[in-house]
Amino acid sequence: MNINGKTIKSALIVAFAFVLTACGSTPQPTVELQSNQVGKDKKVAFVYVAPEDSTATTHIYGAGCLLCYGVASALTSSLDTHLENTIDDTELNALKDLVIQEYRQYNNDMQVVTLGTPIDKLKKFKGGLGFAEKDFRSFKDSLNADVLVVFELYEHGAFRSFSNYIPNGDPQGYVRGKLYTVDLTTNAYVQYLLIDQKVQPEGEWDEPPTFPGVTNAYYQAIENVKQKLADAI
């Protein structure tokens, strides 16, 4: 993975924002699907939000200074090259298709849509726990829908934790995102599921150039997410 000043600055901003968010708010708990809210008598829309960068790579956490991040990136560079060259968005699309398939058990007329406004550009909604952080209510009319199912994926590939520039452990297979369903009248969640799947490689992980342990751990993380989604919908 090529590292430049912009990449390092962006990574540090994201990490800092994550710390502030974690310290300053109570995490939204899981909301089990209220299947009556997505049944045949409801107009249901589905949107998939892919990662900004769909390329699989090693996602570094805990390297809290520019030098630390540079050292950590150097330590994972060979693994990054392997992940970026061998893993595309095929598995992510399979997760998306699974969500659509599972929801259509309740409502075969569910429409797959694109949003005119990106989710991160929507106004904030100050409803507290149990309500979406962004205000989705304008989509009720624009999509002609009662509820909106949102499947967002943020990162995939490998996860590695550092204490500054010292690794805390091996790289792990990794998929992060969330699935949630919003009542477009009230902006309340009728489902909320956080996805943060990490799988420890079996045996020795540092086996370039193919890194079979980490690669297998990634595909196991994908399978675990599939099962989690199927159980939740």
C-alpha atoms as a PDB file:
ATOM      1  CA  MET A   1       0.000   0.000   0.000  1.00  0.00           C
ATOM      2  CA  ASN A   2       1.416   3.371  -0.961  1.00  0.00           C
ATOM      3  CA  ILE A   3       1.556   5.766   1.991  1.00  0.00           C
ATOM      4  CA  ASN A   4       1.489   9.511   1.580  1.00  0.00           C
ATOM      5  CA  GLY A   5       0.798  12.491   3.801  1.00  0.00           C
ATOM      6  CA  LYS A   6      -2.860  12.666   2.809  1.00  0.00           C
ATOM      7  CA  THR A   7      -3.414   8.970   3.600  1.00  0.00           C
ATOM      8  CA  ILE A   8      -1.754   9.262   7.011  1.00  0.00           C
ATOM      9  CA  LYS A   9      -3.632  12.456   7.882  1.00  0.00           C
ATOM     10  CA  SER A  10      -6.971  10.899   6.902  1.00  0.00           C
ATOM     11  CA  ALA A  11      -6.269   7.775   8.949  1.00  0.00           C
ATOM     12  CA  LEU A  12      -5.405   9.813  12.027  1.00  0.00           C
ATOM     13  CA  ILE A  13      -8.526  11.972  11.673  1.00  0.00           C
ATOM     14  CA  VAL A  14     -10.720   8.864  11.427  1.00  0.00           C
ATOM     15  CA  ALA A  15      -9.019   7.269  14.438  1.00  0.00           C
ATOM     16  CA  PHE A  16      -9.361  10.452  16.506  1.00  0.00           C
ATOM     17  CA  ALA A  17     -13.020  10.824  15.583  1.00  0.00           C
ATOM     18  CA  PHE A  18     -13.609   7.193  16.518  1.00  0.00           C
ATOM     19  CA  VAL A  19     -12.088   7.737  19.967  1.00  0.00           C
ATOM     20  CA  LEU A  20     -14.177  10.856  20.566  1.00  0.00           C
ATOM     21  CA  THR A  21     -17.342   9.085  19.498  1.00  0.00           C
ATOM     22  CA  ALA A  22     -16.613   6.073  21.675  1.00  0.00           C
ATOM     23  CA  CYS A  23     -15.926   8.260  24.711  1.00  0.00           C
ATOM     24  CA  GLY A  24     -18.806  10.657  24.234  1.00  0.00           C
ATOM     25  CA  SER A  25     -21.821   8.505  23.467  1.00  0.00           C
ATOM     26  CA  THR A  26     -23.563   5.248  24.311  1.00  0.00           C
ATOM     27  CA  PRO A  27     -23.387   2.765  21.436  1.00  0.00           C
ATOM     28  CA  GLN A  28     -26.653   1.911  19.715  1.00  0.00           C
ATOM     29  CA  PRO A  29     -27.624  -1.594  20.889  1.00  0.00           C
ATOM     30  CA  THR A  30     -28.849  -4.301  18.554  1.00  0.00           C
ATOM     31  CA  VAL A  31     -32.488  -3.963  17.505  1.00  0.00           C
ATOM     32  CA  GLU A  32     -34.033  -7.249  16.448  1.00  0.00           C
ATOM     33  CA  LEU A  33     -35.954  -7.100  13.197  1.00  0.00           C
ATOM     34  CA  GLN A  34     -39.627  -6.208  13.572  1.00  0.00           C
ATOM     35  CA  SER A  35     -40.697  -8.323  10.614  1.00  0.00           C
ATOM     36  CA  ASN A  36     -44.224  -6.898  10.584  1.00  0.00           C
ATOM     37  CA  GLN A  37     -42.679  -3.580   9.580  1.00  0.00           C
ATOM     38  CA  VAL A  38     -41.247  -5.029   6.346  1.00  0.00           C
ATOM     39  CA  GLY A  39     -44.167  -7.282   5.369  1.00  0.00           C
ATOM     40  CA  LYS A  40     -46.305  -7.329   2.247  1.00  0.00           C
ATOM     41  CA  ASP A  41     -48.447  -4.426   3.431  1.00  0.00           C
ATOM     42  CA  LYS A  42     -45.381  -2.153   3.573  1.00  0.00           C
ATOM     43  CA  LYS A  43     -43.474  -0.421   0.795  1.00  0.00           C
ATOM     44  CA  VAL A  44     -39.860  -1.412   1.392  1.00  0.00           C
ATOM     45  CA  ALA A  45     -36.754   0.042  -0.258  1.00  0.00           C
ATOM     46  CA  PHE A  46     -33.217  -1.301  -0.005  1.00  0.00           C
ATOM     47  CA  VAL A  47     -29.932   0.531  -0.519  1.00  0.00           C
ATOM     48  CA  TYR A  48     -26.411  -0.846  -0.453  1.00  0.00           C
ATOM     49  CA  VAL A  49     -23.525   1.437   0.471  1.00  0.00           C
ATOM     50  CA  ALA A  50     -20.169  -0.006  -0.569  1.00  0.00           C
ATOM     51  CA  PRO A  51     -16.885   0.976   1.120  1.00  0.00           C
ATOM     52  CA  GLU A  52     -15.390   4.202  -0.169  1.00  0.00           C
ATOM     53  CA  ASP A  53     -12.396   2.101  -1.159  1.00  0.00           C
ATOM     54  CA  SER A  54     -13.595  -1.405  -1.993  1.00  0.00           C
ATOM     55  CA  THR A  55     -10.005  -2.691  -2.133  1.00  0.00           C
ATOM     56  CA  ALA A  56      -9.153  -5.162   0.593  1.00  0.00           C
ATOM     57  CA  THR A  57      -6.195  -4.069   2.702  1.00  0.00           C
ATOM     58  CA  THR A  58      -4.857  -4.118   6.259  1.00  0.00           C
ATOM     59  CA  HIS A  59      -6.711  -1.700   8.511  1.00  0.00           C
ATOM     60  CA  ILE A  60      -4.397  -0.374  11.201  1.00  0.00           C
ATOM     61  CA  TYR A  61      -5.705   0.716  14.601  1.00  0.00           C
ATOM     62  CA  GLY A  62      -3.773   2.133  17.533  1.00  0.00           C
ATOM     63  CA  ALA A  63      -0.820   3.669  15.650  1.00  0.00           C
ATOM     64  CA  GLY A  64      -1.468   7.111  17.071  1.00  0.00           C
ATOM     65  CA  CYS A  65       1.314   9.241  15.588  1.00  0.00           C
ATOM     66  CA  LEU A  66       2.585   9.856  12.079  1.00  0.00           C
ATOM     67  CA  LEU A  67       5.816   7.955  12.658  1.00  0.00           C
ATOM     68  CA  CYS A  68       3.945   5.085  14.340  1.00  0.00           C
ATOM     69  CA  TYR A  69       1.519   4.828  11.438  1.00  0.00           C
ATOM     70  CA  GLY A  70       4.379   4.838   8.949  1.00  0.00           C
ATOM     71  CA  VAL A  71       6.144   2.009  10.796  1.00  0.00           C
ATOM     72  CA  ALA A  72       2.915   0.026  11.100  1.00  0.00           C
ATOM     73  CA  SER A  73       2.195   0.486   7.393  1.00  0.00           C
ATOM     74  CA  ALA A  74       5.670  -0.745   6.501  1.00  0.00           C
ATOM     75  CA  LEU A  75       5.118  -3.860   8.627  1.00  0.00           C
ATOM     76  CA  THR A  76       1.914  -4.692   6.762  1.00  0.00           C
ATOM     77  CA  SER A  77       2.984  -3.649   3.245  1.00  0.00           C
ATOM     78  CA  SER A  78       3.556  -7.181   1.882  1.00  0.00           C
ATOM     79  CA  LEU A  79       0.199  -8.345   3.235  1.00  0.00           C
ATOM     80  CA  ASP A  80      -1.466  -5.250   1.781  1.00  0.00           C
ATOM     81  CA  THR A  81      -0.063  -6.037  -1.654  1.00  0.00           C
ATOM     82  CA  HIS A  82      -1.408  -9.581  -1.475  1.00  0.00           C
ATOM     83  CA  LEU A  83      -4.877  -8.521  -0.323  1.00  0.00           C
ATOM     84  CA  GLU A  84      -5.165  -5.705  -2.846  1.00  0.00           C
ATOM     85  CA  ASN A  85      -4.124  -7.945  -5.730  1.00  0.00           C
ATOM     86  CA  THR A  86      -6.197 -11.025  -4.909  1.00  0.00           C
ATOM     87  CA  ILE A  87      -9.422  -9.921  -3.184  1.00  0.00           C
ATOM     88  CA  ASP A  88     -11.987  -7.820  -5.027  1.00  0.00           C
ATOM     89  CA  ASP A  89     -15.566  -6.871  -4.139  1.00  0.00           C
ATOM     90  CA  THR A  90     -17.055 -10.255  -5.120  1.00  0.00           C
ATOM     91  CA  GLU A  91     -17.587 -11.331  -1.510  1.00  0.00           C
ATOM     92  CA  LEU A  92     -19.052  -7.967  -0.550  1.00  0.00           C
ATOM     93  CA  ASN A  93     -21.567  -8.251  -3.370  1.00  0.00           C
ATOM     94  CA  ALA A  94     -22.437 -11.736  -2.141  1.00  0.00           C
ATOM     95  CA  LEU A  95     -23.244 -10.275   1.279  1.00  0.00           C
ATOM     96  CA  LYS A  96     -25.444  -7.639  -0.365  1.00  0.00           C
ATOM     97  CA  ASP A  97     -27.284 -10.276  -2.401  1.00  0.00           C
ATOM     98  CA  LEU A  98     -27.849 -12.353   0.724  1.00  0.00           C
ATOM     99  CA  VAL A  99     -29.476  -9.407   2.517  1.00  0.00           C
ATOM    100  CA  ILE A 100     -31.775  -8.781  -0.447  1.00  0.00           C
ATOM    101  CA  GLN A 101     -32.698 -12.457  -0.640  1.00  0.00           C
ATOM    102  CA  GLU A 102     -33.467 -12.679   3.075  1.00  0.00           C
ATOM    103  CA  TYR A 103     -35.620  -9.548   3.110  1.00  0.00           C
ATOM    104  CA  ARG A 104     -37.585 -10.677   0.094  1.00  0.00           C
ATOM    105  CA  GLN A 105     -38.871 -13.584   2.175  1.00  0.00           C
ATOM    106  CA  TYR A 106     -41.062 -10.978   3.860  1.00  0.00           C
ATOM    107  CA  ASN A 107     -41.719  -8.693   0.907  1.00  0.00           C
ATOM    108  CA  ASN A 108     -41.015  -9.859  -2.625  1.00  0.00           C
ATOM    109  CA  ASP A 109     -41.777  -6.360  -3.929  1.00  0.00           C
ATOM    110  CA  MET A 110     -38.877  -4.738  -2.081  1.00  0.00           C
ATOM    111  CA  GLN A 111     -37.220  -2.288  -4.461  1.00  0.00           C
ATOM    112  CA  VAL A 112     -33.463  -1.817  -4.743  1.00  0.00           C
ATOM    113  CA  VAL A 113     -32.724   1.909  -4.936  1.00  0.00           C
ATOM    114  CA  THR A 114     -29.978   4.476  -5.053  1.00  0.00           C
ATOM    115  CA  LEU A 115     -30.230   7.557  -2.871  1.00  0.00           C
ATOM    116  CA  GLY A 116     -30.169  11.022  -4.378  1.00  0.00           C
ATOM    117  CA  THR A 117     -28.351  12.283  -1.285  1.00  0.00           C
ATOM    118  CA  PRO A 118     -25.423  10.351   0.266  1.00  0.00           C
ATOM    119  CA  ILE A 119     -26.157   9.212   3.806  1.00  0.00           C
ATOM    120  CA  ASP A 120     -23.233  11.151   5.267  1.00  0.00           C
ATOM    121  CA  LYS A 121     -24.702  14.344   3.778  1.00  0.00           C
ATOM    122  CA  LEU A 122     -28.102  13.944   5.430  1.00  0.00           C
ATOM    123  CA  LYS A 123     -29.055  16.147   8.358  1.00  0.00           C
ATOM    124  CA  LYS A 124     -28.460  14.777  11.841  1.00  0.00           C
ATOM    125  CA  PHE A 125     -31.459  13.466  13.758  1.00  0.00           C
ATOM    126  CA  LYS A 126     -31.456  14.057  17.513  1.00  0.00           C
ATOM    127  CA  GLY A 127     -33.729  11.236  18.551  1.00  0.00           C
ATOM    128  CA  GLY A 128     -31.250   9.357  20.743  1.00  0.00           C
ATOM    129  CA  LEU A 129     -30.954   5.604  21.047  1.00  0.00           C
ATOM    130  CA  GLY A 130     -33.448   3.692  18.952  1.00  0.00           C
ATOM    131  CA  PHE A 131     -33.434   6.292  16.191  1.00  0.00           C
ATOM    132  CA  ALA A 132     -31.192   6.681  13.150  1.00  0.00           C
ATOM    133  CA  GLU A 133     -28.386   9.212  13.547  1.00  0.00           C
ATOM    134  CA  LYS A 134     -29.253  10.754  10.175  1.00  0.00           C
ATOM    135  CA  ASP A 135     -32.698  12.026   9.154  1.00  0.00           C
ATOM    136  CA  PHE A 136     -34.062   9.630   6.524  1.00  0.00           C
ATOM    137  CA  ARG A 137     -37.650  10.916   6.562  1.00  0.00           C
ATOM    138  CA  SER A 138     -37.373  12.841   3.285  1.00  0.00           C
ATOM    139  CA  PHE A 139     -36.993   9.508   1.475  1.00  0.00           C
ATOM    140  CA  LYS A 140     -40.551   8.516   2.363  1.00  0.00           C
ATOM    141  CA  ASP A 141     -41.891  10.635  -0.482  1.00  0.00           C
ATOM    142  CA  SER A 142     -38.935  10.557  -2.859  1.00  0.00           C
ATOM    143  CA  LEU A 143     -38.744   6.742  -2.760  1.00  0.00           C
ATOM    144  CA  ASN A 144     -42.466   6.182  -2.149  1.00  0.00           C
ATOM    145  CA  ALA A 145     -41.524   3.833   0.682  1.00  0.00           C
ATOM    146  CA  ASP A 146     -42.550   3.151   4.263  1.00  0.00           C
ATOM    147  CA  VAL A 147     -39.224   1.715   5.411  1.00  0.00           C
ATOM    148  CA  LEU A 148     -35.662   1.797   4.145  1.00  0.00           C
ATOM    149  CA  VAL A 149     -33.233  -1.088   4.595  1.00  0.00           C
ATOM    150  CA  VAL A 150     -29.623   0.122   4.599  1.00  0.00           C
ATOM    151  CA  PHE A 151     -26.644  -2.219   4.274  1.00  0.00           C
ATOM    152  CA  GLU A 152     -23.384  -0.315   4.737  1.00  0.00           C
ATOM    153  CA  LEU A 153     -19.937  -1.872   4.528  1.00  0.00           C
ATOM    154  CA  TYR A 154     -16.936   0.158   5.628  1.00  0.00           C
ATOM    155  CA  GLU A 155     -13.812  -1.996   5.652  1.00  0.00           C
ATOM    156  CA  HIS A 156     -12.680  -5.476   4.697  1.00  0.00           C
ATOM    157  CA  GLY A 157      -9.451  -7.403   4.423  1.00  0.00           C
ATOM    158  CA  ALA A 158      -7.350  -7.592   7.576  1.00  0.00           C
ATOM    159  CA  PHE A 159      -7.368  -5.868  10.963  1.00  0.00           C
ATOM    160  CA  ARG A 160      -4.218  -5.282  12.987  1.00  0.00           C
ATOM    161  CA  SER A 161      -3.988  -3.572  16.344  1.00  0.00           C
ATOM    162  CA  PHE A 162      -0.921  -1.614  17.430  1.00  0.00           C
ATOM    163  CA  SER A 163       0.276   0.142  20.549  1.00  0.00           C
ATOM    164  CA  ASN A 164       1.888   3.046  18.715  1.00  0.00           C
ATOM    165  CA  TYR A 165       4.287   1.153  16.410  1.00  0.00           C
ATOM    166  CA  ILE A 166       4.323  -2.170  18.327  1.00  0.00           C
ATOM    167  CA  PRO A 167       1.881  -4.850  17.086  1.00  0.00           C
ATOM    168  CA  ASN A 168      -0.567  -6.147  19.684  1.00  0.00           C
ATOM    169  CA  GLY A 169      -1.085  -9.367  17.775  1.00  0.00           C
ATOM    170  CA  ASP A 170      -1.376 -10.985  14.367  1.00  0.00           C
ATOM    171  CA  PRO A 171      -3.424  -9.558  11.494  1.00  0.00           C
ATOM    172  CA  GLN A 172      -6.967 -10.944  11.559  1.00  0.00           C
ATOM    173  CA  GLY A 173      -9.514 -11.538   8.826  1.00  0.00           C
ATOM    174  CA  TYR A 174     -11.856  -8.570   8.978  1.00  0.00           C
ATOM    175  CA  VAL A 175     -15.222  -7.249   7.812  1.00  0.00           C
ATOM    176  CA  ARG A 176     -16.893  -4.155   9.302  1.00  0.00           C
ATOM    177  CA  GLY A 177     -20.231  -2.526   8.552  1.00  0.00           C
ATOM    178  CA  LYS A 178     -23.838  -2.441   9.695  1.00  0.00           C
ATOM    179  CA  LEU A 179     -27.338  -3.375   8.629  1.00  0.00           C
ATOM    180  CA  TYR A 180     -30.266  -1.261   9.732  1.00  0.00           C
ATOM    181  CA  THR A 181     -33.865  -0.625   8.784  1.00  0.00           C
ATOM    182  CA  VAL A 182     -35.503   2.751   9.337  1.00  0.00           C
ATOM    183  CA  ASP A 183     -39.186   3.660   9.652  1.00  0.00           C
ATOM    184  CA  LEU A 184     -39.408   6.595   7.258  1.00  0.00           C
ATOM    185  CA  THR A 185     -42.248   8.190   9.213  1.00  0.00           C
ATOM    186  CA  THR A 186     -40.612   8.255  12.655  1.00  0.00           C
ATOM    187  CA  ASN A 187     -36.915   7.716  11.768  1.00  0.00           C
ATOM    188  CA  ALA A 188     -36.882   4.908  14.353  1.00  0.00           C
ATOM    189  CA  TYR A 189     -34.914   1.729  13.860  1.00  0.00           C
ATOM    190  CA  VAL A 190     -36.967  -1.373  13.202  1.00  0.00           C
ATOM    191  CA  GLN A 191     -33.688  -3.254  12.972  1.00  0.00           C
ATOM    192  CA  TYR A 192     -30.081  -2.472  13.830  1.00  0.00           C
ATOM    193  CA  LEU A 193     -27.154  -4.873  13.540  1.00  0.00           C
ATOM    194  CA  LEU A 194     -23.504  -3.920  13.904  1.00  0.00           C
ATOM    195  CA  ILE A 195     -21.021  -6.005  11.920  1.00  0.00           C
ATOM    196  CA  ASP A 196     -17.478  -6.136  13.299  1.00  0.00           C
ATOM    197  CA  GLN A 197     -16.132  -9.565  12.460  1.00  0.00           C
ATOM    198  CA  LYS A 198     -12.525 -10.520  13.172  1.00  0.00           C
ATOM    199  CA  VAL A 199     -11.064 -14.000  12.730  1.00  0.00           C
ATOM    200  CA  GLN A 200      -7.681 -15.066  14.065  1.00  0.00           C
ATOM    201  CA  PRO A 201      -5.523 -16.942  11.517  1.00  0.00           C
ATOM    202  CA  GLU A 202      -4.651 -20.523  12.352  1.00  0.00           C
ATOM    203  CA  GLY A 203      -0.950 -21.184  12.791  1.00  0.00           C
ATOM    204  CA  GLU A 204       1.763 -18.940  11.352  1.00  0.00           C
ATOM    205  CA  TRP A 205       0.354 -15.894   9.548  1.00  0.00           C
ATOM    206  CA  ASP A 206       3.529 -14.308   8.111  1.00  0.00           C
ATOM    207  CA  GLU A 207       3.890 -16.463   5.001  1.00  0.00           C
ATOM    208  CA  PRO A 208       4.420 -14.234   1.965  1.00  0.00           C
ATOM    209  CA  PRO A 209       3.570 -13.894  -0.818  1.00  0.00           C
ATOM    210  CA  THR A 210       0.182 -15.656  -0.492  1.00  0.00           C
ATOM    211  CA  PHE A 211      -0.399 -15.374   3.279  1.00  0.00           C
ATOM    212  CA  PRO A 212      -2.714 -18.421   3.393  1.00  0.00           C
ATOM    213  CA  GLY A 213      -3.494 -18.060   7.105  1.00  0.00           C
ATOM    214  CA  VAL A 214      -4.736 -14.475   6.837  1.00  0.00           C
ATOM    215  CA  THR A 215      -6.483 -15.174   3.526  1.00  0.00           C
ATOM    216  CA  ASN A 216      -8.397 -18.105   5.016  1.00  0.00           C
ATOM    217  CA  ALA A 217      -9.237 -15.979   8.058  1.00  0.00           C
ATOM    218  CA  TYR A 218     -10.711 -13.314   5.749  1.00  0.00           C
ATOM    219  CA  TYR A 219     -12.958 -15.801   3.977  1.00  0.00           C
ATOM    220  CA  GLN A 220     -14.003 -17.245   7.337  1.00  0.00           C
ATOM    221  CA  ALA A 221     -14.925 -13.732   8.476  1.00  0.00           C
ATOM    222  CA  ILE A 222     -17.093 -13.405   5.348  1.00  0.00           C
ATOM    223  CA  GLU A 223     -18.818 -16.705   6.140  1.00  0.00           C
ATOM    224  CA  ASN A 224     -19.395 -15.636   9.742  1.00  0.00           C
ATOM    225  CA  VAL A 225     -20.999 -12.396   8.541  1.00  0.00           C
ATOM    226  CA  LYS A 226     -23.246 -14.345   6.168  1.00  0.00           C
ATOM    227  CA  GLN A 227     -24.445 -16.479   9.068  1.00  0.00           C
ATOM    228  CA  LYS A 228     -24.950 -13.442  11.273  1.00  0.00           C
ATOM    229  CA  LEU A 229     -27.033 -11.738   8.602  1.00  0.00           C
ATOM    230  CA  ALA A 230     -29.123 -14.851   7.935  1.00  0.00           C
ATOM    231  CA  ASP A 231     -29.802 -15.251  11.662  1.00  0.00           C
ATOM    232  CA  ALA A 232     -30.794 -11.595  12.045  1.00  0.00           C
ATOM    233  CA  ILE A 233     -33.201 -11.278   9.116  1.00  0.00           C
END
